[in-house]
């Protein structure tokens, strides 16, 4: 796993509360790391983190 990918995973873990991450935060993390929202969604799936309050149907 690349260093950027490890940092991305760590950011998702830190932002998630009670196993959930808001859509807004997921999209912000994707933008911060210049990756598609789908990448953050895939990480959430691997970590069993649910996306809440999805605004655009991206996840």
PDB file of N, CA and C in Angstrom:
ATOM      1  N   UNK A   1       0.859  -1.178   0.000  1.00  0.00           N
ATOM      2  CA  UNK A   1       0.000   0.000   0.000  1.00  0.00           C
ATOM      3  C   UNK A   1       0.903   1.238   0.000  1.00  0.00           C
ATOM      4  N   UNK A   2       0.576   2.199  -0.850  1.00  0.00           N
ATOM      5  CA  UNK A   2       1.379   3.410  -0.939  1.00  0.00           C
ATOM      6  C   UNK A   2       1.180   4.269   0.313  1.00  0.00           C
ATOM      7  N   UNK A   3       2.117   5.166   0.518  1.00  0.00           N
ATOM      8  CA  UNK A   3       2.037   6.053   1.680  1.00  0.00           C
ATOM      9  C   UNK A   3       0.798   6.934   1.601  1.00  0.00           C
ATOM     10  N   UNK A   4       0.471   7.430   0.381  1.00  0.00           N
ATOM     11  CA  UNK A   4      -0.724   8.252   0.237  1.00  0.00           C
ATOM     12  C   UNK A   4      -1.976   7.449   0.554  1.00  0.00           C
ATOM     13  N   UNK A   5      -2.017   6.201   0.102  1.00  0.00           N
ATOM     14  CA  UNK A   5      -3.182   5.355   0.366  1.00  0.00           C
ATOM     15  C   UNK A   5      -3.312   5.090   1.862  1.00  0.00           C
ATOM     16  N   UNK A   6      -2.205   4.875   2.548  1.00  0.00           N
ATOM     17  CA  UNK A   6      -2.246   4.670   3.997  1.00  0.00           C
ATOM     18  C   UNK A   6      -2.777   5.910   4.701  1.00  0.00           C
ATOM     19  N   UNK A   7      -2.347   7.095   4.244  1.00  0.00           N
ATOM     20  CA  UNK A   7      -2.836   8.341   4.840  1.00  0.00           C
ATOM     21  C   UNK A   7      -4.328   8.523   4.559  1.00  0.00           C
ATOM     22  N   UNK A   8      -4.752   8.138   3.375  1.00  0.00           N
ATOM     23  CA  UNK A   8      -6.166   8.214   3.015  1.00  0.00           C
ATOM     24  C   UNK A   8      -7.001   7.322   3.929  1.00  0.00           C
ATOM     25  N   UNK A   9      -6.557   6.093   4.122  1.00  0.00           N
ATOM     26  CA  UNK A   9      -7.257   5.157   5.009  1.00  0.00           C
ATOM     27  C   UNK A   9      -7.304   5.725   6.424  1.00  0.00           C
ATOM     28  N   UNK A  10      -6.191   6.279   6.882  1.00  0.00           N
ATOM     29  CA  UNK A  10      -6.140   6.847   8.236  1.00  0.00           C
ATOM     30  C   UNK A  10      -7.110   8.022   8.370  1.00  0.00           C
ATOM     31  N   UNK A  11      -7.192   8.861   7.340  1.00  0.00           N
ATOM     32  CA  UNK A  11      -8.121   9.998   7.373  1.00  0.00           C
ATOM     33  C   UNK A  11      -9.569   9.528   7.456  1.00  0.00           C
ATOM     34  N   UNK A  12      -9.893   8.483   6.717  1.00  0.00           N
ATOM     35  CA  UNK A  12     -11.253   7.937   6.764  1.00  0.00           C
ATOM     36  C   UNK A  12     -11.544   7.407   8.171  1.00  0.00           C
ATOM     37  N   UNK A  13     -10.602   6.665   8.734  1.00  0.00           N
ATOM     38  CA  UNK A  13     -10.791   6.111  10.088  1.00  0.00           C
ATOM     39  C   UNK A  13     -10.999   7.229  11.106  1.00  0.00           C
ATOM     40  N   UNK A  14     -10.196   8.289  11.014  1.00  0.00           N
ATOM     41  CA  UNK A  14     -10.287   9.392  11.977  1.00  0.00           C
ATOM     42  C   UNK A  14     -11.592  10.174  11.828  1.00  0.00           C
ATOM     43  N   UNK A  15     -12.082  10.302  10.602  1.00  0.00           N
ATOM     44  CA  UNK A  15     -13.289  11.093  10.361  1.00  0.00           C
ATOM     45  C   UNK A  15     -14.563  10.323  10.707  1.00  0.00           C
ATOM     46  N   UNK A  16     -14.496   9.003  10.661  1.00  0.00           N
ATOM     47  CA  UNK A  16     -15.687   8.182  10.928  1.00  0.00           C
ATOM     48  C   UNK A  16     -16.013   8.204  12.419  1.00  0.00           C
ATOM     49  N   UNK A  17     -17.283   8.351  12.707  1.00  0.00           N
ATOM     50  CA  UNK A  17     -17.762   8.331  14.095  1.00  0.00           C
ATOM     51  C   UNK A  17     -18.776   7.201  14.221  1.00  0.00           C
ATOM     52  N   UNK A  18     -18.571   6.339  15.183  1.00  0.00           N
ATOM     53  CA  UNK A  18     -19.493   5.224  15.420  1.00  0.00           C
ATOM     54  C   UNK A  18     -19.708   4.385  14.159  1.00  0.00           C
ATOM     55  N   UNK A  19     -18.631   4.214  13.371  1.00  0.00           N
ATOM     56  CA  UNK A  19     -18.722   3.390  12.173  1.00  0.00           C
ATOM     57  C   UNK A  19     -19.482   4.037  11.040  1.00  0.00           C
ATOM     58  N   UNK A  20     -19.596   5.367  11.090  1.00  0.00           N
ATOM     59  CA  UNK A  20     -20.336   6.099  10.056  1.00  0.00           C
ATOM     60  C   UNK A  20     -19.545   7.327   9.625  1.00  0.00           C
ATOM     61  N   UNK A  21     -19.712   7.686   8.363  1.00  0.00           N
ATOM     62  CA  UNK A  21     -19.043   8.853   7.793  1.00  0.00           C
ATOM     63  C   UNK A  21     -20.051   9.600   6.940  1.00  0.00           C
ATOM     64  N   UNK A  22     -20.133  10.910   7.116  1.00  0.00           N
ATOM     65  CA  UNK A  22     -21.089  11.678   6.317  1.00  0.00           C
ATOM     66  C   UNK A  22     -20.614  11.763   4.872  1.00  0.00           C
ATOM     67  N   UNK A  23     -21.567  11.876   3.993  1.00  0.00           N
ATOM     68  CA  UNK A  23     -21.284  12.024   2.567  1.00  0.00           C
ATOM     69  C   UNK A  23     -20.402  13.262   2.343  1.00  0.00           C
ATOM     70  N   UNK A  24     -20.724  14.345   3.007  1.00  0.00           N
ATOM     71  CA  UNK A  24     -19.964  15.583   2.860  1.00  0.00           C
ATOM     72  C   UNK A  24     -18.505  15.364   3.221  1.00  0.00           C
ATOM     73  N   UNK A  25     -18.262  14.684   4.326  1.00  0.00           N
ATOM     74  CA  UNK A  25     -16.886  14.431   4.761  1.00  0.00           C
ATOM     75  C   UNK A  25     -16.180  13.477   3.810  1.00  0.00           C
ATOM     76  N   UNK A  26     -16.892  12.473   3.322  1.00  0.00           N
ATOM     77  CA  UNK A  26     -16.294  11.526   2.375  1.00  0.00           C
ATOM     78  C   UNK A  26     -15.856  12.254   1.105  1.00  0.00           C
ATOM     79  N   UNK A  27     -16.706  13.154   0.607  1.00  0.00           N
ATOM     80  CA  UNK A  27     -16.350  13.914  -0.595  1.00  0.00           C
ATOM     81  C   UNK A  27     -15.198  14.872  -0.322  1.00  0.00           C
ATOM     82  N   UNK A  28     -15.133  15.439   0.881  1.00  0.00           N
ATOM     83  CA  UNK A  28     -14.027  16.336   1.242  1.00  0.00           C
ATOM     84  C   UNK A  28     -12.719  15.557   1.288  1.00  0.00           C
ATOM     85  N   UNK A  29     -12.736  14.382   1.892  1.00  0.00           N
ATOM     86  CA  UNK A  29     -11.528  13.550   1.948  1.00  0.00           C
ATOM     87  C   UNK A  29     -11.075  13.198   0.532  1.00  0.00           C
ATOM     88  N   UNK A  30     -12.013  12.835  -0.326  1.00  0.00           N
ATOM     89  CA  UNK A  30     -11.673  12.515  -1.713  1.00  0.00           C
ATOM     90  C   UNK A  30     -11.005  13.713  -2.393  1.00  0.00           C
ATOM     91  N   UNK A  31     -11.562  14.893  -2.189  1.00  0.00           N
ATOM     92  CA  UNK A  31     -10.991  16.107  -2.791  1.00  0.00           C
ATOM     93  C   UNK A  31      -9.611  16.409  -2.209  1.00  0.00           C
ATOM     94  N   UNK A  32      -9.464  16.251  -0.889  1.00  0.00           N
ATOM     95  CA  UNK A  32      -8.179  16.520  -0.234  1.00  0.00           C
ATOM     96  C   UNK A  32      -7.068  15.633  -0.782  1.00  0.00           C
ATOM     97  N   UNK A  33      -7.412  14.391  -1.126  1.00  0.00           N
ATOM     98  CA  UNK A  33      -6.410  13.442  -1.620  1.00  0.00           C
ATOM     99  C   UNK A  33      -6.444  13.303  -3.147  1.00  0.00           C
ATOM    100  N   UNK A  34      -7.288  14.121  -3.796  1.00  0.00           N
ATOM    101  CA  UNK A  34      -7.385  14.120  -5.251  1.00  0.00           C
ATOM    102  C   UNK A  34      -7.661  12.724  -5.815  1.00  0.00           C
ATOM    103  N   UNK A  35      -8.643  12.068  -5.190  1.00  0.00           N
ATOM    104  CA  UNK A  35      -9.079  10.743  -5.647  1.00  0.00           C
ATOM    105  C   UNK A  35     -10.583  10.805  -5.903  1.00  0.00           C
ATOM    106  N   UNK A  36     -11.111   9.903  -6.710  1.00  0.00           N
ATOM    107  CA  UNK A  36     -12.561   9.891  -6.929  1.00  0.00           C
ATOM    108  C   UNK A  36     -13.307   9.499  -5.651  1.00  0.00           C
ATOM    109  N   UNK A  37     -14.515  10.016  -5.461  1.00  0.00           N
ATOM    110  CA  UNK A  37     -15.307   9.631  -4.285  1.00  0.00           C
ATOM    111  C   UNK A  37     -15.452   8.117  -4.156  1.00  0.00           C
ATOM    112  N   UNK A  38     -15.481   7.426  -5.275  1.00  0.00           N
ATOM    113  CA  UNK A  38     -15.614   5.959  -5.262  1.00  0.00           C
ATOM    114  C   UNK A  38     -14.469   5.309  -4.482  1.00  0.00           C
ATOM    115  N   UNK A  39     -13.279   5.882  -4.567  1.00  0.00           N
ATOM    116  CA  UNK A  39     -12.137   5.338  -3.831  1.00  0.00           C
ATOM    117  C   UNK A  39     -12.386   5.394  -2.327  1.00  0.00           C
ATOM    118  N   UNK A  40     -12.913   6.521  -1.862  1.00  0.00           N
ATOM    119  CA  UNK A  40     -13.242   6.656  -0.441  1.00  0.00           C
ATOM    120  C   UNK A  40     -14.356   5.671  -0.086  1.00  0.00           C
ATOM    121  N   UNK A  41     -15.334   5.532  -0.969  1.00  0.00           N
ATOM    122  CA  UNK A  41     -16.413   4.574  -0.743  1.00  0.00           C
ATOM    123  C   UNK A  41     -15.896   3.150  -0.633  1.00  0.00           C
ATOM    124  N   UNK A  42     -14.941   2.791  -1.483  1.00  0.00           N
ATOM    125  CA  UNK A  42     -14.351   1.445  -1.421  1.00  0.00           C
ATOM    126  C   UNK A  42     -13.624   1.222  -0.101  1.00  0.00           C
ATOM    127  N   UNK A  43     -12.913   2.238   0.355  1.00  0.00           N
ATOM    128  CA  UNK A  43     -12.215   2.135   1.642  1.00  0.00           C
ATOM    129  C   UNK A  43     -13.228   1.964   2.769  1.00  0.00           C
ATOM    130  N   UNK A  44     -14.305   2.737   2.713  1.00  0.00           N
ATOM    131  CA  UNK A  44     -15.355   2.608   3.726  1.00  0.00           C
ATOM    132  C   UNK A  44     -15.928   1.197   3.725  1.00  0.00           C
ATOM    133  N   UNK A  45     -16.163   0.634   2.554  1.00  0.00           N
ATOM    134  CA  UNK A  45     -16.669  -0.735   2.466  1.00  0.00           C
ATOM    135  C   UNK A  45     -15.705  -1.719   3.110  1.00  0.00           C
ATOM    136  N   UNK A  46     -14.422  -1.580   2.833  1.00  0.00           N
ATOM    137  CA  UNK A  46     -13.407  -2.479   3.401  1.00  0.00           C
ATOM    138  C   UNK A  46     -13.354  -2.373   4.918  1.00  0.00           C
ATOM    139  N   UNK A  47     -13.560  -1.150   5.423  1.00  0.00           N
ATOM    140  CA  UNK A  47     -13.482  -0.911   6.867  1.00  0.00           C
ATOM    141  C   UNK A  47     -14.828  -1.075   7.564  1.00  0.00           C
ATOM    142  N   UNK A  48     -15.873  -1.443   6.794  1.00  0.00           N
ATOM    143  CA  UNK A  48     -17.233  -1.606   7.325  1.00  0.00           C
ATOM    144  C   UNK A  48     -17.763  -0.299   7.913  1.00  0.00           C
ATOM    145  N   UNK A  49     -17.443   0.818   7.243  1.00  0.00           N
ATOM    146  CA  UNK A  49     -17.934   2.136   7.636  1.00  0.00           C
ATOM    147  C   UNK A  49     -19.087   2.507   6.707  1.00  0.00           C
ATOM    148  N   UNK A  50     -20.191   2.906   7.277  1.00  0.00           N
ATOM    149  CA  UNK A  50     -21.383   3.277   6.508  1.00  0.00           C
ATOM    150  C   UNK A  50     -21.324   4.757   6.143  1.00  0.00           C
ATOM    151  N   UNK A  51     -21.763   5.077   4.918  1.00  0.00           N
ATOM    152  CA  UNK A  51     -21.889   6.471   4.505  1.00  0.00           C
ATOM    153  C   UNK A  51     -23.284   6.935   4.904  1.00  0.00           C
ATOM    154  N   UNK A  52     -23.372   8.045   5.606  1.00  0.00           N
ATOM    155  CA  UNK A  52     -24.669   8.568   6.038  1.00  0.00           C
ATOM    156  C   UNK A  52     -24.965   9.887   5.349  1.00  0.00           C
ATOM    157  N   UNK A  53     -26.225  10.213   5.261  1.00  0.00           N
ATOM    158  CA  UNK A  53     -26.689  11.476   4.683  1.00  0.00           C
ATOM    159  C   UNK A  53     -26.120  11.677   3.285  1.00  0.00           C
ATOM    160  N   UNK A  54     -26.195  10.647   2.460  1.00  0.00           N
ATOM    161  CA  UNK A  54     -25.669  10.732   1.103  1.00  0.00           C
ATOM    162  C   UNK A  54     -26.477  11.766   0.317  1.00  0.00           C
ATOM    163  N   UNK A  55     -25.779  12.689  -0.303  1.00  0.00           N
ATOM    164  CA  UNK A  55     -26.425  13.805  -0.979  1.00  0.00           C
ATOM    165  C   UNK A  55     -26.562  13.616  -2.482  1.00  0.00           C
ATOM    166  N   UNK A  56     -25.639  12.892  -3.080  1.00  0.00           N
ATOM    167  CA  UNK A  56     -25.607  12.815  -4.534  1.00  0.00           C
ATOM    168  C   UNK A  56     -25.737  11.410  -5.077  1.00  0.00           C
ATOM    169  N   UNK A  57     -25.834  10.429  -4.215  1.00  0.00           N
ATOM    170  CA  UNK A  57     -25.899   9.054  -4.679  1.00  0.00           C
ATOM    171  C   UNK A  57     -24.551   8.520  -5.150  1.00  0.00           C
ATOM    172  N   UNK A  58     -23.464   9.124  -4.692  1.00  0.00           N
ATOM    173  CA  UNK A  58     -22.116   8.718  -5.098  1.00  0.00           C
ATOM    174  C   UNK A  58     -21.701   7.406  -4.433  1.00  0.00           C
ATOM    175  N   UNK A  59     -22.294   7.100  -3.282  1.00  0.00           N
ATOM    176  CA  UNK A  59     -21.821   5.946  -2.492  1.00  0.00           C
ATOM    177  C   UNK A  59     -22.889   4.881  -2.411  1.00  0.00           C
TER     178      UNK A  59
END
